[in-house]
PDB file of N, CA and C in Angstrom:
ATOM      1  N   UNK A   1      52.100 127.500 -33.990  1.00  0.00           N
ATOM      2  CA  UNK A   1      51.297 127.596 -35.175  1.00  0.00           C
ATOM      3  C   UNK A   1      51.820 128.719 -36.079  1.00  0.00           C
ATOM      4  N   UNK A   2      52.334 129.785 -35.474  1.00  0.00           N
ATOM      5  CA  UNK A   2      52.911 130.866 -36.291  1.00  0.00           C
ATOM      6  C   UNK A   2      54.116 130.376 -37.079  1.00  0.00           C
ATOM      7  N   UNK A   3      54.714 129.276 -36.629  1.00  0.00           N
ATOM      8  CA  UNK A   3      55.871 128.703 -37.319  1.00  0.00           C
ATOM      9  C   UNK A   3      55.445 127.716 -38.403  1.00  0.00           C
ATOM     10  N   UNK A   4      54.125 127.609 -38.642  1.00  0.00           N
ATOM     11  CA  UNK A   4      53.648 126.736 -39.703  1.00  0.00           C
ATOM     12  C   UNK A   4      53.395 125.294 -39.277  1.00  0.00           C
ATOM     13  N   UNK A   5      53.384 125.047 -37.988  1.00  0.00           N
ATOM     14  CA  UNK A   5      53.116 123.701 -37.475  1.00  0.00           C
ATOM     15  C   UNK A   5      51.643 123.578 -37.094  1.00  0.00           C
ATOM     16  N   UNK A   6      51.098 122.362 -37.154  1.00  0.00           N
ATOM     17  CA  UNK A   6      49.715 122.182 -36.719  1.00  0.00           C
ATOM     18  C   UNK A   6      49.561 122.480 -35.233  1.00  0.00           C
ATOM     19  N   UNK A   7      48.361 122.859 -34.849  1.00  0.00           N
ATOM     20  CA  UNK A   7      48.093 123.164 -33.446  1.00  0.00           C
ATOM     21  C   UNK A   7      48.191 121.897 -32.596  1.00  0.00           C
ATOM     22  N   UNK A   8      49.011 121.926 -31.540  1.00  0.00           N
ATOM     23  CA  UNK A   8      49.087 120.754 -30.653  1.00  0.00           C
ATOM     24  C   UNK A   8      47.874 120.726 -29.730  1.00  0.00           C
ATOM     25  N   UNK A   9      47.654 119.578 -29.124  1.00  0.00           N
ATOM     26  CA  UNK A   9      46.577 119.391 -28.160  1.00  0.00           C
ATOM     27  C   UNK A   9      47.110 119.724 -26.770  1.00  0.00           C
ATOM     28  N   UNK A  10      46.322 120.416 -25.972  1.00  0.00           N
ATOM     29  CA  UNK A  10      46.708 120.770 -24.603  1.00  0.00           C
ATOM     30  C   UNK A  10      46.239 119.669 -23.660  1.00  0.00           C
ATOM     31  N   UNK A  11      47.162 119.134 -22.871  1.00  0.00           N
ATOM     32  CA  UNK A  11      46.866 118.177 -21.787  1.00  0.00           C
ATOM     33  C   UNK A  11      46.044 116.973 -22.237  1.00  0.00           C
ATOM     34  N   UNK A  12      46.359 116.423 -23.397  1.00  0.00           N
ATOM     35  CA  UNK A  12      45.659 115.219 -23.867  1.00  0.00           C
ATOM     36  C   UNK A  12      45.975 114.041 -22.942  1.00  0.00           C
ATOM     37  N   UNK A  13      45.004 113.201 -22.630  1.00  0.00           N
ATOM     38  CA  UNK A  13      45.265 112.051 -21.760  1.00  0.00           C
ATOM     39  C   UNK A  13      46.070 110.971 -22.477  1.00  0.00           C
ATOM     40  N   UNK A  14      47.085 110.454 -21.793  1.00  0.00           N
ATOM     41  CA  UNK A  14      47.917 109.380 -22.330  1.00  0.00           C
ATOM     42  C   UNK A  14      47.985 108.265 -21.289  1.00  0.00           C
ATOM     43  N   UNK A  15      47.276 107.141 -21.519  1.00  0.00           N
ATOM     44  CA  UNK A  15      47.389 106.015 -20.588  1.00  0.00           C
ATOM     45  C   UNK A  15      48.788 105.418 -20.686  1.00  0.00           C
ATOM     46  N   UNK A  16      49.434 105.219 -19.543  1.00  0.00           N
ATOM     47  CA  UNK A  16      50.797 104.685 -19.585  1.00  0.00           C
ATOM     48  C   UNK A  16      50.911 103.293 -18.987  1.00  0.00           C
ATOM     49  N   UNK A  17      50.514 103.084 -17.755  1.00  0.00           N
ATOM     50  CA  UNK A  17      50.596 101.745 -17.165  1.00  0.00           C
ATOM     51  C   UNK A  17      49.798 101.697 -15.876  1.00  0.00           C
ATOM     52  N   UNK A  18      49.302 100.517 -15.569  1.00  0.00           N
ATOM     53  CA  UNK A  18      48.606 100.274 -14.299  1.00  0.00           C
ATOM     54  C   UNK A  18      47.521 101.319 -14.018  1.00  0.00           C
ATOM     55  N   UNK A  19      46.812 101.734 -15.058  1.00  0.00           N
ATOM     56  CA  UNK A  19      45.733 102.701 -14.882  1.00  0.00           C
ATOM     57  C   UNK A  19      46.176 104.141 -14.749  1.00  0.00           C
ATOM     58  N   UNK A  20      47.473 104.399 -14.832  1.00  0.00           N
ATOM     59  CA  UNK A  20      47.987 105.767 -14.733  1.00  0.00           C
ATOM     60  C   UNK A  20      47.780 106.471 -16.075  1.00  0.00           C
ATOM     61  N   UNK A  21      47.268 107.697 -15.998  1.00  0.00           N
ATOM     62  CA  UNK A  21      47.078 108.513 -17.195  1.00  0.00           C
ATOM     63  C   UNK A  21      47.846 109.812 -16.989  1.00  0.00           C
ATOM     64  N   UNK A  22      48.727 110.113 -17.924  1.00  0.00           N
ATOM     65  CA  UNK A  22      49.489 111.365 -17.879  1.00  0.00           C
ATOM     66  C   UNK A  22      48.878 112.357 -18.867  1.00  0.00           C
ATOM     67  N   UNK A  23      49.154 113.635 -18.639  1.00  0.00           N
ATOM     68  CA  UNK A  23      48.640 114.699 -19.500  1.00  0.00           C
ATOM     69  C   UNK A  23      49.798 115.628 -19.879  1.00  0.00           C
ATOM     70  N   UNK A  24      50.510 115.330 -20.969  1.00  0.00           N
ATOM     71  CA  UNK A  24      51.608 116.211 -21.372  1.00  0.00           C
ATOM     72  C   UNK A  24      51.107 117.637 -21.593  1.00  0.00           C
ATOM     73  N   UNK A  25      51.991 118.597 -21.390  1.00  0.00           N
ATOM     74  CA  UNK A  25      51.601 119.996 -21.571  1.00  0.00           C
ATOM     75  C   UNK A  25      50.982 120.207 -22.957  1.00  0.00           C
ATOM     76  N   UNK A  26      51.694 119.796 -23.976  1.00  0.00           N
ATOM     77  CA  UNK A  26      51.210 119.863 -25.366  1.00  0.00           C
ATOM     78  C   UNK A  26      51.541 118.538 -26.025  1.00  0.00           C
ATOM     79  N   UNK A  27      50.771 118.170 -27.038  1.00  0.00           N
ATOM     80  CA  UNK A  27      51.099 116.922 -27.726  1.00  0.00           C
ATOM     81  C   UNK A  27      50.473 116.849 -29.101  1.00  0.00           C
ATOM     82  N   UNK A  28      51.016 115.926 -29.866  1.00  0.00           N
ATOM     83  CA  UNK A  28      50.456 115.483 -31.132  1.00  0.00           C
ATOM     84  C   UNK A  28      50.151 113.995 -30.921  1.00  0.00           C
ATOM     85  N   UNK A  29      48.973 113.680 -30.357  1.00  0.00           N
ATOM     86  CA  UNK A  29      48.682 112.287 -29.992  1.00  0.00           C
ATOM     87  C   UNK A  29      48.768 111.310 -31.162  1.00  0.00           C
ATOM     88  N   UNK A  30      48.360 111.742 -32.341  1.00  0.00           N
ATOM     89  CA  UNK A  30      48.386 110.842 -33.494  1.00  0.00           C
ATOM     90  C   UNK A  30      49.803 110.418 -33.858  1.00  0.00           C
ATOM     91  N   UNK A  31      50.796 111.209 -33.453  1.00  0.00           N
ATOM     92  CA  UNK A  31      52.206 110.901 -33.724  1.00  0.00           C
ATOM     93  C   UNK A  31      52.943 110.475 -32.453  1.00  0.00           C
ATOM     94  N   UNK A  32      52.264 110.493 -31.334  1.00  0.00           N
ATOM     95  CA  UNK A  32      52.860 110.160 -30.040  1.00  0.00           C
ATOM     96  C   UNK A  32      54.077 111.038 -29.736  1.00  0.00           C
ATOM     97  N   UNK A  33      53.853 112.353 -29.877  1.00  0.00           N
ATOM     98  CA  UNK A  33      54.872 113.350 -29.536  1.00  0.00           C
ATOM     99  C   UNK A  33      54.325 114.202 -28.398  1.00  0.00           C
ATOM    100  N   UNK A  34      55.079 114.279 -27.303  1.00  0.00           N
ATOM    101  CA  UNK A  34      54.728 115.128 -26.165  1.00  0.00           C
ATOM    102  C   UNK A  34      55.728 116.267 -26.068  1.00  0.00           C
ATOM    103  N   UNK A  35      55.219 117.439 -25.732  1.00  0.00           N
ATOM    104  CA  UNK A  35      56.065 118.610 -25.498  1.00  0.00           C
ATOM    105  C   UNK A  35      55.832 119.018 -24.050  1.00  0.00           C
ATOM    106  N   UNK A  36      56.887 118.970 -23.264  1.00  0.00           N
ATOM    107  CA  UNK A  36      56.792 119.275 -21.845  1.00  0.00           C
ATOM    108  C   UNK A  36      57.603 120.530 -21.536  1.00  0.00           C
ATOM    109  N   UNK A  37      56.946 121.515 -20.924  1.00  0.00           N
ATOM    110  CA  UNK A  37      57.628 122.735 -20.527  1.00  0.00           C
ATOM    111  C   UNK A  37      58.297 122.513 -19.180  1.00  0.00           C
ATOM    112  N   UNK A  38      59.570 122.827 -19.107  1.00  0.00           N
ATOM    113  CA  UNK A  38      60.346 122.686 -17.876  1.00  0.00           C
ATOM    114  C   UNK A  38      60.680 124.069 -17.340  1.00  0.00           C
ATOM    115  N   UNK A  39      59.832 124.568 -16.460  1.00  0.00           N
ATOM    116  CA  UNK A  39      60.083 125.855 -15.834  1.00  0.00           C
ATOM    117  C   UNK A  39      61.205 125.761 -14.820  1.00  0.00           C
ATOM    118  N   UNK A  40      61.656 126.896 -14.383  1.00  0.00           N
ATOM    119  CA  UNK A  40      62.762 126.949 -13.427  1.00  0.00           C
ATOM    120  C   UNK A  40      62.436 126.173 -12.154  1.00  0.00           C
ATOM    121  N   UNK A  41      61.160 126.189 -11.752  1.00  0.00           N
ATOM    122  CA  UNK A  41      60.776 125.473 -10.524  1.00  0.00           C
ATOM    123  C   UNK A  41      60.974 123.969 -10.658  1.00  0.00           C
ATOM    124  N   UNK A  42      60.945 123.451 -11.869  1.00  0.00           N
ATOM    125  CA  UNK A  42      61.180 122.013 -12.078  1.00  0.00           C
ATOM    126  C   UNK A  42      62.627 121.657 -11.714  1.00  0.00           C
ATOM    127  N   UNK A  43      63.533 122.532 -12.069  1.00  0.00           N
ATOM    128  CA  UNK A  43      64.951 122.273 -11.820  1.00  0.00           C
ATOM    129  C   UNK A  43      65.308 122.464 -10.349  1.00  0.00           C
ATOM    130  N   UNK A  44      64.636 123.390  -9.704  1.00  0.00           N
ATOM    131  CA  UNK A  44      64.995 123.744  -8.327  1.00  0.00           C
ATOM    132  C   UNK A  44      64.348 122.837  -7.278  1.00  0.00           C
ATOM    133  N   UNK A  45      63.300 122.139  -7.632  1.00  0.00           N
ATOM    134  CA  UNK A  45      62.596 121.278  -6.677  1.00  0.00           C
ATOM    135  C   UNK A  45      62.975 119.829  -6.964  1.00  0.00           C
ATOM    136  N   UNK A  46      63.783 119.187  -6.095  1.00  0.00           N
ATOM    137  CA  UNK A  46      64.241 117.819  -6.366  1.00  0.00           C
ATOM    138  C   UNK A  46      63.097 116.831  -6.612  1.00  0.00           C
ATOM    139  N   UNK A  47      62.009 116.956  -5.884  1.00  0.00           N
ATOM    140  CA  UNK A  47      60.880 116.033  -6.081  1.00  0.00           C
ATOM    141  C   UNK A  47      60.250 116.231  -7.463  1.00  0.00           C
ATOM    142  N   UNK A  48      60.058 117.467  -7.848  1.00  0.00           N
ATOM    143  CA  UNK A  48      59.472 117.750  -9.165  1.00  0.00           C
ATOM    144  C   UNK A  48      60.394 117.262 -10.277  1.00  0.00           C
ATOM    145  N   UNK A  49      61.685 117.479 -10.095  1.00  0.00           N
ATOM    146  CA  UNK A  49      62.674 117.018 -11.078  1.00  0.00           C
ATOM    147  C   UNK A  49      62.590 115.499 -11.218  1.00  0.00           C
ATOM    148  N   UNK A  50      62.516 114.792 -10.088  1.00  0.00           N
ATOM    149  CA  UNK A  50      62.388 113.336 -10.109  1.00  0.00           C
ATOM    150  C   UNK A  50      61.081 112.919 -10.795  1.00  0.00           C
ATOM    151  N   UNK A  51      59.980 113.599 -10.473  1.00  0.00           N
ATOM    152  CA  UNK A  51      58.694 113.292 -11.093  1.00  0.00           C
ATOM    153  C   UNK A  51      58.737 113.513 -12.606  1.00  0.00           C
ATOM    154  N   UNK A  52      59.416 114.560 -13.040  1.00  0.00           N
ATOM    155  CA  UNK A  52      59.550 114.829 -14.479  1.00  0.00           C
ATOM    156  C   UNK A  52      60.284 113.692 -15.181  1.00  0.00           C
ATOM    157  N   UNK A  53      61.330 113.182 -14.547  1.00  0.00           N
ATOM    158  CA  UNK A  53      62.087 112.069 -15.125  1.00  0.00           C
ATOM    159  C   UNK A  53      61.199 110.826 -15.212  1.00  0.00           C
ATOM    160  N   UNK A  54      60.446 110.558 -14.170  1.00  0.00           N
ATOM    161  CA  UNK A  54      59.551 109.399 -14.165  1.00  0.00           C
ATOM    162  C   UNK A  54      58.470 109.541 -15.237  1.00  0.00           C
ATOM    163  N   UNK A  55      57.923 110.741 -15.412  1.00  0.00           N
ATOM    164  CA  UNK A  55      56.916 110.986 -16.455  1.00  0.00           C
ATOM    165  C   UNK A  55      57.502 110.713 -17.834  1.00  0.00           C
ATOM    166  N   UNK A  56      58.703 111.214 -18.060  1.00  0.00           N
ATOM    167  CA  UNK A  56      59.334 111.001 -19.363  1.00  0.00           C
ATOM    168  C   UNK A  56      59.530 109.510 -19.628  1.00  0.00           C
ATOM    169  N   UNK A  57      60.045 108.801 -18.643  1.00  0.00           N
ATOM    170  CA  UNK A  57      60.245 107.349 -18.805  1.00  0.00           C
ATOM    171  C   UNK A  57      58.929 106.639 -19.103  1.00  0.00           C
ATOM    172  N   UNK A  58      57.875 107.004 -18.381  1.00  0.00           N
ATOM    173  CA  UNK A  58      56.575 106.357 -18.578  1.00  0.00           C
ATOM    174  C   UNK A  58      56.038 106.620 -19.980  1.00  0.00           C
ATOM    175  N   UNK A  59      56.163 107.844 -20.461  1.00  0.00           N
ATOM    176  CA  UNK A  59      55.704 108.165 -21.817  1.00  0.00           C
ATOM    177  C   UNK A  59      56.537 107.424 -22.862  1.00  0.00           C
ATOM    178  N   UNK A  60      57.850 107.415 -22.685  1.00  0.00           N
ATOM    179  CA  UNK A  60      58.715 106.731 -23.643  1.00  0.00           C
ATOM    180  C   UNK A  60      58.471 105.222 -23.639  1.00  0.00           C
ATOM    181  N   UNK A  61      58.125 104.666 -22.492  1.00  0.00           N
ATOM    182  CA  UNK A  61      57.874 103.224 -22.396  1.00  0.00           C
ATOM    183  C   UNK A  61      56.665 102.792 -23.224  1.00  0.00           C
ATOM    184  N   UNK A  62      55.745 103.719 -23.485  1.00  0.00           N
ATOM    185  CA  UNK A  62      54.585 103.388 -24.313  1.00  0.00           C
ATOM    186  C   UNK A  62      54.711 103.990 -25.718  1.00  0.00           C
ATOM    187  N   UNK A  63      55.966 104.314 -26.103  1.00  0.00           N
ATOM    188  CA  UNK A  63      56.236 104.693 -27.482  1.00  0.00           C
ATOM    189  C   UNK A  63      56.145 106.156 -27.835  1.00  0.00           C
ATOM    190  N   UNK A  64      56.103 107.013 -26.845  1.00  0.00           N
ATOM    191  CA  UNK A  64      56.047 108.450 -27.116  1.00  0.00           C
ATOM    192  C   UNK A  64      57.458 109.038 -27.161  1.00  0.00           C
ATOM    193  N   UNK A  65      57.613 110.110 -27.946  1.00  0.00           N
ATOM    194  CA  UNK A  65      58.820 110.921 -27.937  1.00  0.00           C
ATOM    195  C   UNK A  65      58.493 112.150 -27.093  1.00  0.00           C
ATOM    196  N   UNK A  66      59.377 112.486 -26.163  1.00  0.00           N
ATOM    197  CA  UNK A  66      59.159 113.642 -25.299  1.00  0.00           C
ATOM    198  C   UNK A  66      60.195 114.704 -25.647  1.00  0.00           C
ATOM    199  N   UNK A  67      59.694 115.878 -25.985  1.00  0.00           N
ATOM    200  CA  UNK A  67      60.560 117.025 -26.257  1.00  0.00           C
ATOM    201  C   UNK A  67      60.401 117.978 -25.083  1.00  0.00           C
ATOM    202  N   UNK A  68      61.507 118.233 -24.386  1.00  0.00           N
ATOM    203  CA  UNK A  68      61.489 119.133 -23.239  1.00  0.00           C
ATOM    204  C   UNK A  68      61.858 120.536 -23.708  1.00  0.00           C
ATOM    205  N   UNK A  69      61.124 121.520 -23.189  1.00  0.00           N
ATOM    206  CA  UNK A  69      61.294 122.907 -23.614  1.00  0.00           C
ATOM    207  C   UNK A  69      61.483 123.785 -22.384  1.00  0.00           C
ATOM    208  N   UNK A  70      62.419 124.719 -22.481  1.00  0.00           N
ATOM    209  CA  UNK A  70      62.654 125.677 -21.399  1.00  0.00           C
ATOM    210  C   UNK A  70      62.353 127.089 -21.900  1.00  0.00           C
ATOM    211  N   UNK A  71      62.383 128.026 -20.989  1.00  0.00           N
ATOM    212  CA  UNK A  71      62.160 129.420 -21.366  1.00  0.00           C
ATOM    213  C   UNK A  71      63.204 129.874 -22.395  1.00  0.00           C
ATOM    214  N   UNK A  72      64.440 129.427 -22.256  1.00  0.00           N
ATOM    215  CA  UNK A  72      65.478 129.789 -23.228  1.00  0.00           C
ATOM    216  C   UNK A  72      65.095 129.303 -24.623  1.00  0.00           C
ATOM    217  N   UNK A  73      64.487 128.103 -24.716  1.00  0.00           N
ATOM    218  CA  UNK A  73      64.035 127.591 -26.012  1.00  0.00           C
ATOM    219  C   UNK A  73      62.948 128.476 -26.603  1.00  0.00           C
ATOM    220  N   UNK A  74      62.101 129.018 -25.749  1.00  0.00           N
ATOM    221  CA  UNK A  74      61.002 129.848 -26.239  1.00  0.00           C
ATOM    222  C   UNK A  74      61.471 131.250 -26.625  1.00  0.00           C
ATOM    223  N   UNK A  75      62.527 131.717 -25.978  1.00  0.00           N
ATOM    224  CA  UNK A  75      63.072 133.043 -26.334  1.00  0.00           C
ATOM    225  C   UNK A  75      63.773 133.017 -27.686  1.00  0.00           C
ATOM    226  N   UNK A  76      64.435 131.915 -27.988  1.00  0.00           N
ATOM    227  CA  UNK A  76      65.125 131.729 -29.279  1.00  0.00           C
ATOM    228  C   UNK A  76      64.713 130.346 -29.788  1.00  0.00           C
ATOM    229  N   UNK A  77      63.536 130.234 -30.411  1.00  0.00           N
ATOM    230  CA  UNK A  77      62.932 128.926 -30.674  1.00  0.00           C
ATOM    231  C   UNK A  77      63.422 128.182 -31.907  1.00  0.00           C
ATOM    232  N   UNK A  78      64.412 128.702 -32.614  1.00  0.00           N
ATOM    233  CA  UNK A  78      64.793 128.087 -33.880  1.00  0.00           C
ATOM    234  C   UNK A  78      65.165 126.613 -33.736  1.00  0.00           C
ATOM    235  N   UNK A  79      66.008 126.280 -32.743  1.00  0.00           N
ATOM    236  CA  UNK A  79      66.440 124.892 -32.579  1.00  0.00           C
ATOM    237  C   UNK A  79      65.288 124.002 -32.124  1.00  0.00           C
ATOM    238  N   UNK A  80      64.501 124.494 -31.171  1.00  0.00           N
ATOM    239  CA  UNK A  80      63.336 123.732 -30.719  1.00  0.00           C
ATOM    240  C   UNK A  80      62.395 123.433 -31.889  1.00  0.00           C
ATOM    241  N   UNK A  81      62.104 124.451 -32.698  1.00  0.00           N
ATOM    242  CA  UNK A  81      61.203 124.241 -33.835  1.00  0.00           C
ATOM    243  C   UNK A  81      61.802 123.282 -34.850  1.00  0.00           C
ATOM    244  N   UNK A  82      63.103 123.371 -35.082  1.00  0.00           N
ATOM    245  CA  UNK A  82      63.763 122.434 -36.006  1.00  0.00           C
ATOM    246  C   UNK A  82      63.675 121.012 -35.465  1.00  0.00           C
ATOM    247  N   UNK A  83      63.896 120.836 -34.155  1.00  0.00           N
ATOM    248  CA  UNK A  83      63.794 119.506 -33.543  1.00  0.00           C
ATOM    249  C   UNK A  83      62.364 118.976 -33.642  1.00  0.00           C
ATOM    250  N   UNK A  84      61.401 119.835 -33.380  1.00  0.00           N
ATOM    251  CA  UNK A  84      60.000 119.416 -33.457  1.00  0.00           C
ATOM    252  C   UNK A  84      59.622 119.032 -34.887  1.00  0.00           C
ATOM    253  N   UNK A  85      60.034 119.832 -35.845  1.00  0.00           N
ATOM    254  CA  UNK A  85      59.749 119.492 -37.252  1.00  0.00           C
ATOM    255  C   UNK A  85      60.378 118.151 -37.635  1.00  0.00           C
ATOM    256  N   UNK A  86      61.620 117.934 -37.231  1.00  0.00           N
ATOM    257  CA  UNK A  86      62.306 116.678 -37.558  1.00  0.00           C
ATOM    258  C   UNK A  86      61.623 115.488 -36.872  1.00  0.00           C
ATOM    259  N   UNK A  87      61.232 115.662 -35.633  1.00  0.00           N
ATOM    260  CA  UNK A  87      60.540 114.583 -34.925  1.00  0.00           C
ATOM    261  C   UNK A  87      59.214 114.279 -35.599  1.00  0.00           C
ATOM    262  N   UNK A  88      58.478 115.303 -35.981  1.00  0.00           N
ATOM    263  CA  UNK A  88      57.204 115.085 -36.695  1.00  0.00           C
ATOM    264  C   UNK A  88      57.456 114.381 -38.029  1.00  0.00           C
ATOM    265  N   UNK A  89      58.479 114.814 -38.755  1.00  0.00           N
ATOM    266  CA  UNK A  89      58.786 114.203 -40.052  1.00  0.00           C
ATOM    267  C   UNK A  89      59.086 112.714 -39.886  1.00  0.00           C
ATOM    268  N   UNK A  90      59.928 112.376 -38.890  1.00  0.00           N
ATOM    269  CA  UNK A  90      60.261 110.965 -38.639  1.00  0.00           C
ATOM    270  C   UNK A  90      59.025 110.168 -38.245  1.00  0.00           C
ATOM    271  N   UNK A  91      58.199 110.729 -37.383  1.00  0.00           N
ATOM    272  CA  UNK A  91      57.010 110.023 -36.913  1.00  0.00           C
ATOM    273  C   UNK A  91      56.002 109.826 -38.058  1.00  0.00           C
ATOM    274  N   UNK A  92      55.860 110.820 -38.897  1.00  0.00           N
ATOM    275  CA  UNK A  92      54.954 110.675 -40.042  1.00  0.00           C
ATOM    276  C   UNK A  92      55.492 109.607 -40.974  1.00  0.00           C
ATOM    277  N   UNK A  93      56.819 109.595 -41.205  1.00  0.00           N
ATOM    278  CA  UNK A  93      57.454 108.578 -42.030  1.00  0.00           C
ATOM    279  C   UNK A  93      57.280 107.180 -41.447  1.00  0.00           C
ATOM    280  N   UNK A  94      57.384 107.068 -40.115  1.00  0.00           N
ATOM    281  CA  UNK A  94      57.215 105.767 -39.455  1.00  0.00           C
ATOM    282  C   UNK A  94      55.789 105.263 -39.581  1.00  0.00           C
ATOM    283  N   UNK A  95      54.842 106.188 -39.689  1.00  0.00           N
ATOM    284  CA  UNK A  95      53.427 105.795 -39.762  1.00  0.00           C
ATOM    285  C   UNK A  95      53.000 105.402 -41.183  1.00  0.00           C
ATOM    286  N   UNK A  96      53.823 105.679 -42.158  1.00  0.00           N
ATOM    287  CA  UNK A  96      53.482 105.366 -43.543  1.00  0.00           C
ATOM    288  C   UNK A  96      53.545 103.857 -43.760  1.00  0.00           C
ATOM    289  N   UNK A  97      52.552 103.311 -44.477  1.00  0.00           N
ATOM    290  CA  UNK A  97      52.602 101.862 -44.785  1.00  0.00           C
ATOM    291  C   UNK A  97      53.815 101.538 -45.648  1.00  0.00           C
ATOM    292  N   UNK A  98      54.357 100.384 -45.428  1.00  0.00           N
ATOM    293  CA  UNK A  98      55.551  99.979 -46.189  1.00  0.00           C
ATOM    294  C   UNK A  98      55.171  98.996 -47.268  1.00  0.00           C
TER     295      UNK A  98
END
């Protein structure tokens, strides 16, 4: 929000398939954008890493864009914020009536 972006929703429910509901770390549900934080433990635990990949696939299968963020992205957020702004811009453009 300090970067001028709207406040994302924390852990919003996203139905994906067969009654499964995922809760992305942060999201803009109206634009179907999920922001998932990937801590070091995600990379070091093979099961968690596999689960993260499955979550991303499930979200993308129902039309969501998933932006993965690491601590390095948060320490120097310029690229992450630029990617998020561009993704929001594209999604807002896609939602405009033609």
